[in-house]
PDB file of N, CA and C in Angstrom:
ATOM      1  N   MET A   1     278.275  86.996 118.037  1.00  0.00           N
ATOM      2  CA  MET A   1     278.048  88.238 118.754  1.00  0.00           C
ATOM      3  C   MET A   1     277.803  87.910 120.221  1.00  0.00           C
ATOM      4  N   LYS A   2     278.402  88.668 121.066  1.00  0.00           N
ATOM      5  CA  LYS A   2     278.240  88.496 122.507  1.00  0.00           C
ATOM      6  C   LYS A   2     276.902  89.073 122.939  1.00  0.00           C
ATOM      7  N   ALA A   3     276.381  88.549 124.045  1.00  0.00           N
ATOM      8  CA  ALA A   3     275.079  88.991 124.546  1.00  0.00           C
ATOM      9  C   ALA A   3     275.067  90.485 124.852  1.00  0.00           C
ATOM     10  N   LYS A   4     276.162  91.002 125.405  1.00  0.00           N
ATOM     11  CA  LYS A   4     276.220  92.434 125.724  1.00  0.00           C
ATOM     12  C   LYS A   4     276.113  93.283 124.461  1.00  0.00           C
ATOM     13  N   GLU A   5     276.770  92.837 123.407  1.00  0.00           N
ATOM     14  CA  GLU A   5     276.700  93.562 122.130  1.00  0.00           C
ATOM     15  C   GLU A   5     275.277  93.533 121.578  1.00  0.00           C
ATOM     16  N   PHE A   6     274.651  92.356 121.643  1.00  0.00           N
ATOM     17  CA  PHE A   6     273.289  92.220 121.152  1.00  0.00           C
ATOM     18  C   PHE A   6     272.334  93.103 121.959  1.00  0.00           C
ATOM     19  N   ASP A   7     272.466  93.071 123.284  1.00  0.00           N
ATOM     20  CA  ASP A   7     271.626  93.902 124.157  1.00  0.00           C
ATOM     21  C   ASP A   7     271.790  95.384 123.843  1.00  0.00           C
ATOM     22  N   LYS A   8     273.015  95.802 123.631  1.00  0.00           N
ATOM     23  CA  LYS A   8     273.265  97.214 123.325  1.00  0.00           C
ATOM     24  C   LYS A   8     272.621  97.590 121.996  1.00  0.00           C
ATOM     25  N   LYS A   9     272.773  96.724 121.013  1.00  0.00           N
ATOM     26  CA  LYS A   9     272.182  96.968 119.703  1.00  0.00           C
ATOM     27  C   LYS A   9     270.653  97.088 119.828  1.00  0.00           C
ATOM     28  N   PHE A  10     270.065  96.222 120.626  1.00  0.00           N
ATOM     29  CA  PHE A  10     268.619  96.264 120.842  1.00  0.00           C
ATOM     30  C   PHE A  10     268.223  97.529 121.601  1.00  0.00           C
ATOM     31  N   ASP A  11     268.922  97.802 122.689  1.00  0.00           N
ATOM     32  CA  ASP A  11     268.590  98.964 123.526  1.00  0.00           C
ATOM     33  C   ASP A  11     268.743 100.281 122.774  1.00  0.00           C
ATOM     34  N   ASP A  12     269.770 100.368 121.934  1.00  0.00           N
ATOM     35  CA  ASP A  12     269.988 101.599 121.168  1.00  0.00           C
ATOM     36  C   ASP A  12     268.903 101.796 120.112  1.00  0.00           C
ATOM     37  N   GLY A  13     268.371 100.695 119.606  1.00  0.00           N
ATOM     38  CA  GLY A  13     267.298 100.759 118.624  1.00  0.00           C
ATOM     39  C   GLY A  13     267.701 101.364 117.294  1.00  0.00           C
ATOM     40  N   GLU A  14     268.971 101.514 117.075  1.00  0.00           N
ATOM     41  CA  GLU A  14     269.436 102.139 115.840  1.00  0.00           C
ATOM     42  C   GLU A  14     269.661 101.135 114.717  1.00  0.00           C
ATOM     43  N   GLU A  15     269.818  99.868 115.097  1.00  0.00           N
ATOM     44  CA  GLU A  15     270.094  98.844 114.098  1.00  0.00           C
ATOM     45  C   GLU A  15     269.023  97.756 114.156  1.00  0.00           C
ATOM     46  N   ASP A  16     268.814  97.090 113.031  1.00  0.00           N
ATOM     47  CA  ASP A  16     267.867  95.985 112.966  1.00  0.00           C
ATOM     48  C   ASP A  16     268.519  94.743 113.557  1.00  0.00           C
ATOM     49  N   ILE A  17     267.927  94.202 114.618  1.00  0.00           N
ATOM     50  CA  ILE A  17     268.515  93.020 115.261  1.00  0.00           C
ATOM     51  C   ILE A  17     268.035  91.718 114.623  1.00  0.00           C
ATOM     52  N   LEU A  18     267.030  91.783 113.772  1.00  0.00           N
ATOM     53  CA  LEU A  18     266.515  90.557 113.162  1.00  0.00           C
ATOM     54  C   LEU A  18     267.568  89.811 112.360  1.00  0.00           C
ATOM     55  N   GLU A  19     268.478  90.550 111.744  1.00  0.00           N
ATOM     56  CA  GLU A  19     269.526  89.896 110.959  1.00  0.00           C
ATOM     57  C   GLU A  19     270.455  89.058 111.836  1.00  0.00           C
ATOM     58  N   ASP A  20     270.441  89.298 113.141  1.00  0.00           N
ATOM     59  CA  ASP A  20     271.300  88.560 114.068  1.00  0.00           C
ATOM     60  C   ASP A  20     270.599  87.356 114.694  1.00  0.00           C
ATOM     61  N   LEU A  21     269.335  87.137 114.337  1.00  0.00           N
ATOM     62  CA  LEU A  21     268.575  86.038 114.921  1.00  0.00           C
ATOM     63  C   LEU A  21     268.339  84.940 113.893  1.00  0.00           C
ATOM     64  N   ASP A  22     268.306  83.702 114.346  1.00  0.00           N
ATOM     65  CA  ASP A  22     267.962  82.570 113.497  1.00  0.00           C
ATOM     66  C   ASP A  22     266.478  82.298 113.684  1.00  0.00           C
ATOM     67  N   LEU A  23     265.645  82.902 112.840  1.00  0.00           N
ATOM     68  CA  LEU A  23     264.199  82.811 112.978  1.00  0.00           C
ATOM     69  C   LEU A  23     263.640  81.444 112.604  1.00  0.00           C
ATOM     70  N   SER A  24     264.449  80.605 111.979  1.00  0.00           N
ATOM     71  CA  SER A  24     263.971  79.283 111.573  1.00  0.00           C
ATOM     72  C   SER A  24     263.769  78.352 112.771  1.00  0.00           C
ATOM     73  N   THR A  25     264.326  78.700 113.913  1.00  0.00           N
ATOM     74  CA  THR A  25     264.227  77.825 115.085  1.00  0.00           C
ATOM     75  C   THR A  25     263.268  78.366 116.145  1.00  0.00           C
ATOM     76  N   ILE A  26     262.580  79.449 115.844  1.00  0.00           N
ATOM     77  CA  ILE A  26     261.681  80.057 116.828  1.00  0.00           C
ATOM     78  C   ILE A  26     260.471  79.157 117.063  1.00  0.00           C
ATOM     79  N   LYS A  27     260.135  78.967 118.329  1.00  0.00           N
ATOM     80  CA  LYS A  27     258.952  78.208 118.719  1.00  0.00           C
ATOM     81  C   LYS A  27     258.271  78.950 119.860  1.00  0.00           C
ATOM     82  N   LYS A  28     256.947  79.006 119.808  1.00  0.00           N
ATOM     83  CA  LYS A  28     256.188  79.585 120.906  1.00  0.00           C
ATOM     84  C   LYS A  28     256.134  78.558 122.025  1.00  0.00           C
ATOM     85  N   PRO A  29     256.291  78.990 123.263  1.00  0.00           N
ATOM     86  CA  PRO A  29     256.225  78.032 124.369  1.00  0.00           C
ATOM     87  C   PRO A  29     254.819  77.451 124.508  1.00  0.00           C
ATOM     88  N   ASN A  30     254.746  76.190 124.856  1.00  0.00           N
ATOM     89  CA  ASN A  30     253.481  75.487 125.077  1.00  0.00           C
ATOM     90  C   ASN A  30     252.565  75.488 123.858  1.00  0.00           C
ATOM     91  N   GLN A  31     253.121  75.529 122.667  1.00  0.00           N
ATOM     92  CA  GLN A  31     252.312  75.551 121.456  1.00  0.00           C
ATOM     93  C   GLN A  31     252.505  74.307 120.589  1.00  0.00           C
ATOM     94  N   GLU A  32     253.214  73.319 121.114  1.00  0.00           N
ATOM     95  CA  GLU A  32     253.392  72.081 120.353  1.00  0.00           C
ATOM     96  C   GLU A  32     252.012  71.456 120.132  1.00  0.00           C
ATOM     97  N   GLN A  33     251.788  70.946 118.954  1.00  0.00           N
ATOM     98  CA  GLN A  33     250.483  70.406 118.601  1.00  0.00           C
ATOM     99  C   GLN A  33     250.497  68.884 118.658  1.00  0.00           C
ATOM    100  N   LYS A  34     249.363  68.333 119.021  1.00  0.00           N
ATOM    101  CA  LYS A  34     249.166  66.889 118.990  1.00  0.00           C
ATOM    102  C   LYS A  34     247.766  66.639 118.452  1.00  0.00           C
ATOM    103  N   ARG A  35     247.674  65.801 117.467  1.00  0.00           N
ATOM    104  CA  ARG A  35     246.388  65.522 116.821  1.00  0.00           C
ATOM    105  C   ARG A  35     245.589  64.540 117.679  1.00  0.00           C
ATOM    106  N   VAL A  36     244.306  64.851 117.851  1.00  0.00           N
ATOM    107  CA  VAL A  36     243.381  63.949 118.538  1.00  0.00           C
ATOM    108  C   VAL A  36     242.114  63.819 117.695  1.00  0.00           C
ATOM    109  N   ASN A  37     241.464  62.698 117.824  1.00  0.00           N
ATOM    110  CA  ASN A  37     240.194  62.483 117.133  1.00  0.00           C
ATOM    111  C   ASN A  37     239.081  62.468 118.171  1.00  0.00           C
ATOM    112  N   VAL A  38     238.039  63.229 117.908  1.00  0.00           N
ATOM    113  CA  VAL A  38     236.896  63.292 118.808  1.00  0.00           C
ATOM    114  C   VAL A  38     235.635  63.106 117.981  1.00  0.00           C
ATOM    115  N   ASP A  39     234.775  62.244 118.439  1.00  0.00           N
ATOM    116  CA  ASP A  39     233.496  62.040 117.761  1.00  0.00           C
ATOM    117  C   ASP A  39     232.442  62.919 118.426  1.00  0.00           C
ATOM    118  N   PHE A  40     231.718  63.684 117.585  1.00  0.00           N
ATOM    119  CA  PHE A  40     230.648  64.546 118.063  1.00  0.00           C
ATOM    120  C   PHE A  40     229.337  64.111 117.420  1.00  0.00           C
ATOM    121  N   PRO A  41     228.219  64.286 118.123  1.00  0.00           N
ATOM    122  CA  PRO A  41     226.927  64.024 117.488  1.00  0.00           C
ATOM    123  C   PRO A  41     226.700  65.014 116.343  1.00  0.00           C
ATOM    124  N   VAL A  42     225.915  64.607 115.361  1.00  0.00           N
ATOM    125  CA  VAL A  42     225.660  65.434 114.180  1.00  0.00           C
ATOM    126  C   VAL A  42     225.105  66.800 114.574  1.00  0.00           C
ATOM    127  N   TRP A  43     224.177  66.847 115.539  1.00  0.00           N
ATOM    128  CA  TRP A  43     223.581  68.125 115.929  1.00  0.00           C
ATOM    129  C   TRP A  43     224.646  69.092 116.439  1.00  0.00           C
ATOM    130  N   MET A  44     225.662  68.538 117.124  1.00  0.00           N
ATOM    131  CA  MET A  44     226.723  69.385 117.673  1.00  0.00           C
ATOM    132  C   MET A  44     227.603  69.934 116.549  1.00  0.00           C
ATOM    133  N   ILE A  45     227.916  69.099 115.580  1.00  0.00           N
ATOM    134  CA  ILE A  45     228.709  69.539 114.424  1.00  0.00           C
ATOM    135  C   ILE A  45     227.964  70.631 113.667  1.00  0.00           C
ATOM    136  N   GLU A  46     226.679  70.437 113.473  1.00  0.00           N
ATOM    137  CA  GLU A  46     225.878  71.444 112.776  1.00  0.00           C
ATOM    138  C   GLU A  46     225.876  72.771 113.533  1.00  0.00           C
ATOM    139  N   SER A  47     225.745  72.700 114.842  1.00  0.00           N
ATOM    140  CA  SER A  47     225.772  73.923 115.666  1.00  0.00           C
ATOM    141  C   SER A  47     227.144  74.591 115.620  1.00  0.00           C
ATOM    142  N   LEU A  48     228.197  73.783 115.692  1.00  0.00           N
ATOM    143  CA  LEU A  48     229.551  74.325 115.602  1.00  0.00           C
ATOM    144  C   LEU A  48     229.775  75.002 114.254  1.00  0.00           C
ATOM    145  N   ASP A  49     229.352  74.347 113.185  1.00  0.00           N
ATOM    146  CA  ASP A  49     229.535  74.903 111.847  1.00  0.00           C
ATOM    147  C   ASP A  49     228.754  76.207 111.676  1.00  0.00           C
ATOM    148  N   LYS A  50     227.549  76.246 112.218  1.00  0.00           N
ATOM    149  CA  LYS A  50     226.729  77.456 112.125  1.00  0.00           C
ATOM    150  C   LYS A  50     227.408  78.623 112.849  1.00  0.00           C
ATOM    151  N   GLU A  51     227.877  78.378 114.058  1.00  0.00           N
ATOM    152  CA  GLU A  51     228.544  79.445 114.833  1.00  0.00           C
ATOM    153  C   GLU A  51     229.875  79.827 114.205  1.00  0.00           C
ATOM    154  N   ALA A  52     230.611  78.843 113.715  1.00  0.00           N
ATOM    155  CA  ALA A  52     231.889  79.132 113.051  1.00  0.00           C
ATOM    156  C   ALA A  52     231.654  79.989 111.812  1.00  0.00           C
ATOM    157  N   GLY A  53     230.617  79.654 111.046  1.00  0.00           N
ATOM    158  CA  GLY A  53     230.283  80.447 109.856  1.00  0.00           C
ATOM    159  C   GLY A  53     229.890  81.869 110.221  1.00  0.00           C
ATOM    160  N   ARG A  54     229.121  82.007 111.292  1.00  0.00           N
ATOM    161  CA  ARG A  54     228.706  83.334 111.743  1.00  0.00           C
ATOM    162  C   ARG A  54     229.914  84.191 112.117  1.00  0.00           C
ATOM    163  N   LEU A  55     230.893  83.554 112.748  1.00  0.00           N
ATOM    164  CA  LEU A  55     232.088  84.278 113.185  1.00  0.00           C
ATOM    165  C   LEU A  55     233.157  84.368 112.098  1.00  0.00           C
ATOM    166  N   GLY A  56     232.987  83.597 111.023  1.00  0.00           N
ATOM    167  CA  GLY A  56     233.966  83.617 109.944  1.00  0.00           C
ATOM    168  C   GLY A  56     235.258  82.895 110.273  1.00  0.00           C
ATOM    169  N   VAL A  57     235.143  81.822 111.060  1.00  0.00           N
ATOM    170  CA  VAL A  57     236.312  81.015 111.427  1.00  0.00           C
ATOM    171  C   VAL A  57     236.021  79.555 111.091  1.00  0.00           C
ATOM    172  N   THR A  58     237.013  78.719 111.237  1.00  0.00           N
ATOM    173  CA  THR A  58     236.818  77.297 110.968  1.00  0.00           C
ATOM    174  C   THR A  58     236.224  76.597 112.187  1.00  0.00           C
ATOM    175  N   ARG A  59     235.675  75.427 111.939  1.00  0.00           N
ATOM    176  CA  ARG A  59     235.143  74.612 113.039  1.00  0.00           C
ATOM    177  C   ARG A  59     236.255  74.324 114.050  1.00  0.00           C
ATOM    178  N   GLN A  60     237.423  73.966 113.549  1.00  0.00           N
ATOM    179  CA  GLN A  60     238.547  73.654 114.434  1.00  0.00           C
ATOM    180  C   GLN A  60     238.912  74.845 115.307  1.00  0.00           C
ATOM    181  N   SER A  61     238.893  76.034 114.732  1.00  0.00           N
ATOM    182  CA  SER A  61     239.239  77.238 115.496  1.00  0.00           C
ATOM    183  C   SER A  61     238.266  77.475 116.631  1.00  0.00           C
ATOM    184  N   ILE A  62     236.985  77.339 116.332  1.00  0.00           N
ATOM    185  CA  ILE A  62     235.993  77.612 117.378  1.00  0.00           C
ATOM    186  C   ILE A  62     236.075  76.566 118.488  1.00  0.00           C
ATOM    187  N   ILE A  63     236.348  75.322 118.126  1.00  0.00           N
ATOM    188  CA  ILE A  63     236.510  74.281 119.146  1.00  0.00           C
ATOM    189  C   ILE A  63     237.704  74.604 120.038  1.00  0.00           C
ATOM    190  N   LYS A  64     238.816  74.996 119.430  1.00  0.00           N
ATOM    191  CA  LYS A  64     240.014  75.331 120.208  1.00  0.00           C
ATOM    192  C   LYS A  64     239.763  76.506 121.142  1.00  0.00           C
ATOM    193  N   VAL A  65     239.126  77.545 120.622  1.00  0.00           N
ATOM    194  CA  VAL A  65     238.868  78.742 121.437  1.00  0.00           C
ATOM    195  C   VAL A  65     237.944  78.399 122.595  1.00  0.00           C
ATOM    196  N   TRP A  66     236.856  77.695 122.309  1.00  0.00           N
ATOM    197  CA  TRP A  66     235.907  77.362 123.373  1.00  0.00           C
ATOM    198  C   TRP A  66     236.527  76.442 124.423  1.00  0.00           C
ATOM    199  N   LEU A  67     237.327  75.491 123.989  1.00  0.00           N
ATOM    200  CA  LEU A  67     238.002  74.621 124.957  1.00  0.00           C
ATOM    201  C   LEU A  67     238.996  75.401 125.813  1.00  0.00           C
ATOM    202  N   ALA A  68     239.759  76.289 125.173  1.00  0.00           N
ATOM    203  CA  ALA A  68     240.719  77.099 125.920  1.00  0.00           C
ATOM    204  C   ALA A  68     240.009  77.973 126.947  1.00  0.00           C
ATOM    205  N   GLU A  69     238.880  78.586 126.547  1.00  0.00           N
ATOM    206  CA  GLU A  69     238.110  79.417 127.479  1.00  0.00           C
ATOM    207  C   GLU A  69     237.631  78.592 128.672  1.00  0.00           C
ATOM    208  N   ARG A  70     237.131  77.406 128.383  1.00  0.00           N
ATOM    209  CA  ARG A  70     236.621  76.550 129.457  1.00  0.00           C
ATOM    210  C   ARG A  70     237.738  76.087 130.389  1.00  0.00           C
ATOM    211  N   ILE A  71     238.874  75.745 129.836  1.00  0.00           N
ATOM    212  CA  ILE A  71     240.018  75.315 130.654  1.00  0.00           C
ATOM    213  C   ILE A  71     240.483  76.458 131.552  1.00  0.00           C
ATOM    214  N   GLU A  72     240.555  77.671 130.997  1.00  0.00           N
ATOM    215  CA  GLU A  72     240.947  78.839 131.796  1.00  0.00           C
ATOM    216  C   GLU A  72     239.926  79.118 132.888  1.00  0.00           C
ATOM    217  N   GLN A  73     238.649  79.004 132.546  1.00  0.00           N
ATOM    218  CA  GLN A  73     237.578  79.225 133.516  1.00  0.00           C
ATOM    219  C   GLN A  73     237.682  78.209 134.654  1.00  0.00           C
ATOM    220  N   GLN A  74     237.889  76.965 134.310  1.00  0.00           N
ATOM    221  CA  GLN A  74     237.990  75.919 135.324  1.00  0.00           C
ATOM    222  C   GLN A  74     239.230  76.115 136.194  1.00  0.00           C
ATOM    223  N   ALA A  75     240.319  76.556 135.593  1.00  0.00           N
ATOM    224  CA  ALA A  75     241.543  76.820 136.363  1.00  0.00           C
ATOM    225  C   ALA A  75     241.283  77.933 137.379  1.00  0.00           C
ATOM    226  N   SER A  76     240.525  78.953 136.977  1.00  0.00           N
ATOM    227  CA  SER A  76     240.195  80.049 137.896  1.00  0.00           C
ATOM    228  C   SER A  76     239.334  79.548 139.060  1.00  0.00           C
ATOM    229  N   VAL A  77     238.373  78.688 138.759  1.00  0.00           N
ATOM    230  CA  VAL A  77     237.507  78.133 139.787  1.00  0.00           C
ATOM    231  C   VAL A  77     238.343  77.298 140.759  1.00  0.00           C
ATOM    232  N   ASN A  78     239.224  76.472 140.194  1.00  0.00           N
ATOM    233  CA  ASN A  78     240.068  75.616 141.041  1.00  0.00           C
ATOM    234  C   ASN A  78     240.984  76.460 141.917  1.00  0.00           C
ATOM    235  N   LYS A  79     241.512  77.542 141.368  1.00  0.00           N
ATOM    236  CA  LYS A  79     242.395  78.433 142.121  1.00  0.00           C
ATOM    237  C   LYS A  79     241.628  79.079 143.278  1.00  0.00           C
ATOM    238  N   ALA A  80     240.393  79.501 142.991  1.00  0.00           N
ATOM    239  CA  ALA A  80     239.564  80.127 144.016  1.00  0.00           C
ATOM    240  C   ALA A  80     239.227  79.130 145.117  1.00  0.00           C
ATOM    241  N   MET A  81     238.997  77.874 144.746  1.00  0.00           N
ATOM    242  CA  MET A  81     238.669  76.838 145.738  1.00  0.00           C
ATOM    243  C   MET A  81     239.843  76.563 146.671  1.00  0.00           C
ATOM    244  N   VAL A  82     241.055  76.670 146.154  1.00  0.00           N
ATOM    245  CA  VAL A  82     242.238  76.427 146.965  1.00  0.00           C
ATOM    246  C   VAL A  82     242.377  77.500 148.034  1.00  0.00           C
ATOM    247  N   ARG A  83     241.976  78.740 147.704  1.00  0.00           N
ATOM    248  CA  ARG A  83     242.091  79.855 148.650  1.00  0.00           C
ATOM    249  C   ARG A  83     241.117  79.732 149.827  1.00  0.00           C
ATOM    250  N   ILE A  84     240.005  79.021 149.601  1.00  0.00           N
ATOM    251  CA  ILE A  84     238.978  78.937 150.643  1.00  0.00           C
ATOM    252  C   ILE A  84     239.441  78.093 151.803  1.00  0.00           C
TER     253      ILE A  84
END
């Protein structure tokens, strides 16, 4: 199928375009995973587990979320410093 045909099918919204896509090859950008090992003190693991349990998520999830928040926060600070 040509791109123009696909675009028209999508724009018209009358037909399901999913049948025209190969969903087995879909990847989210910047989502490739790499395993790392990190040693934490026992008190930190206990605190992480307690908070993860309170939120109903896994320890790994809470670590990822908190790290992502901190990285975004630091990027904002660095961006602001560049403007000064």
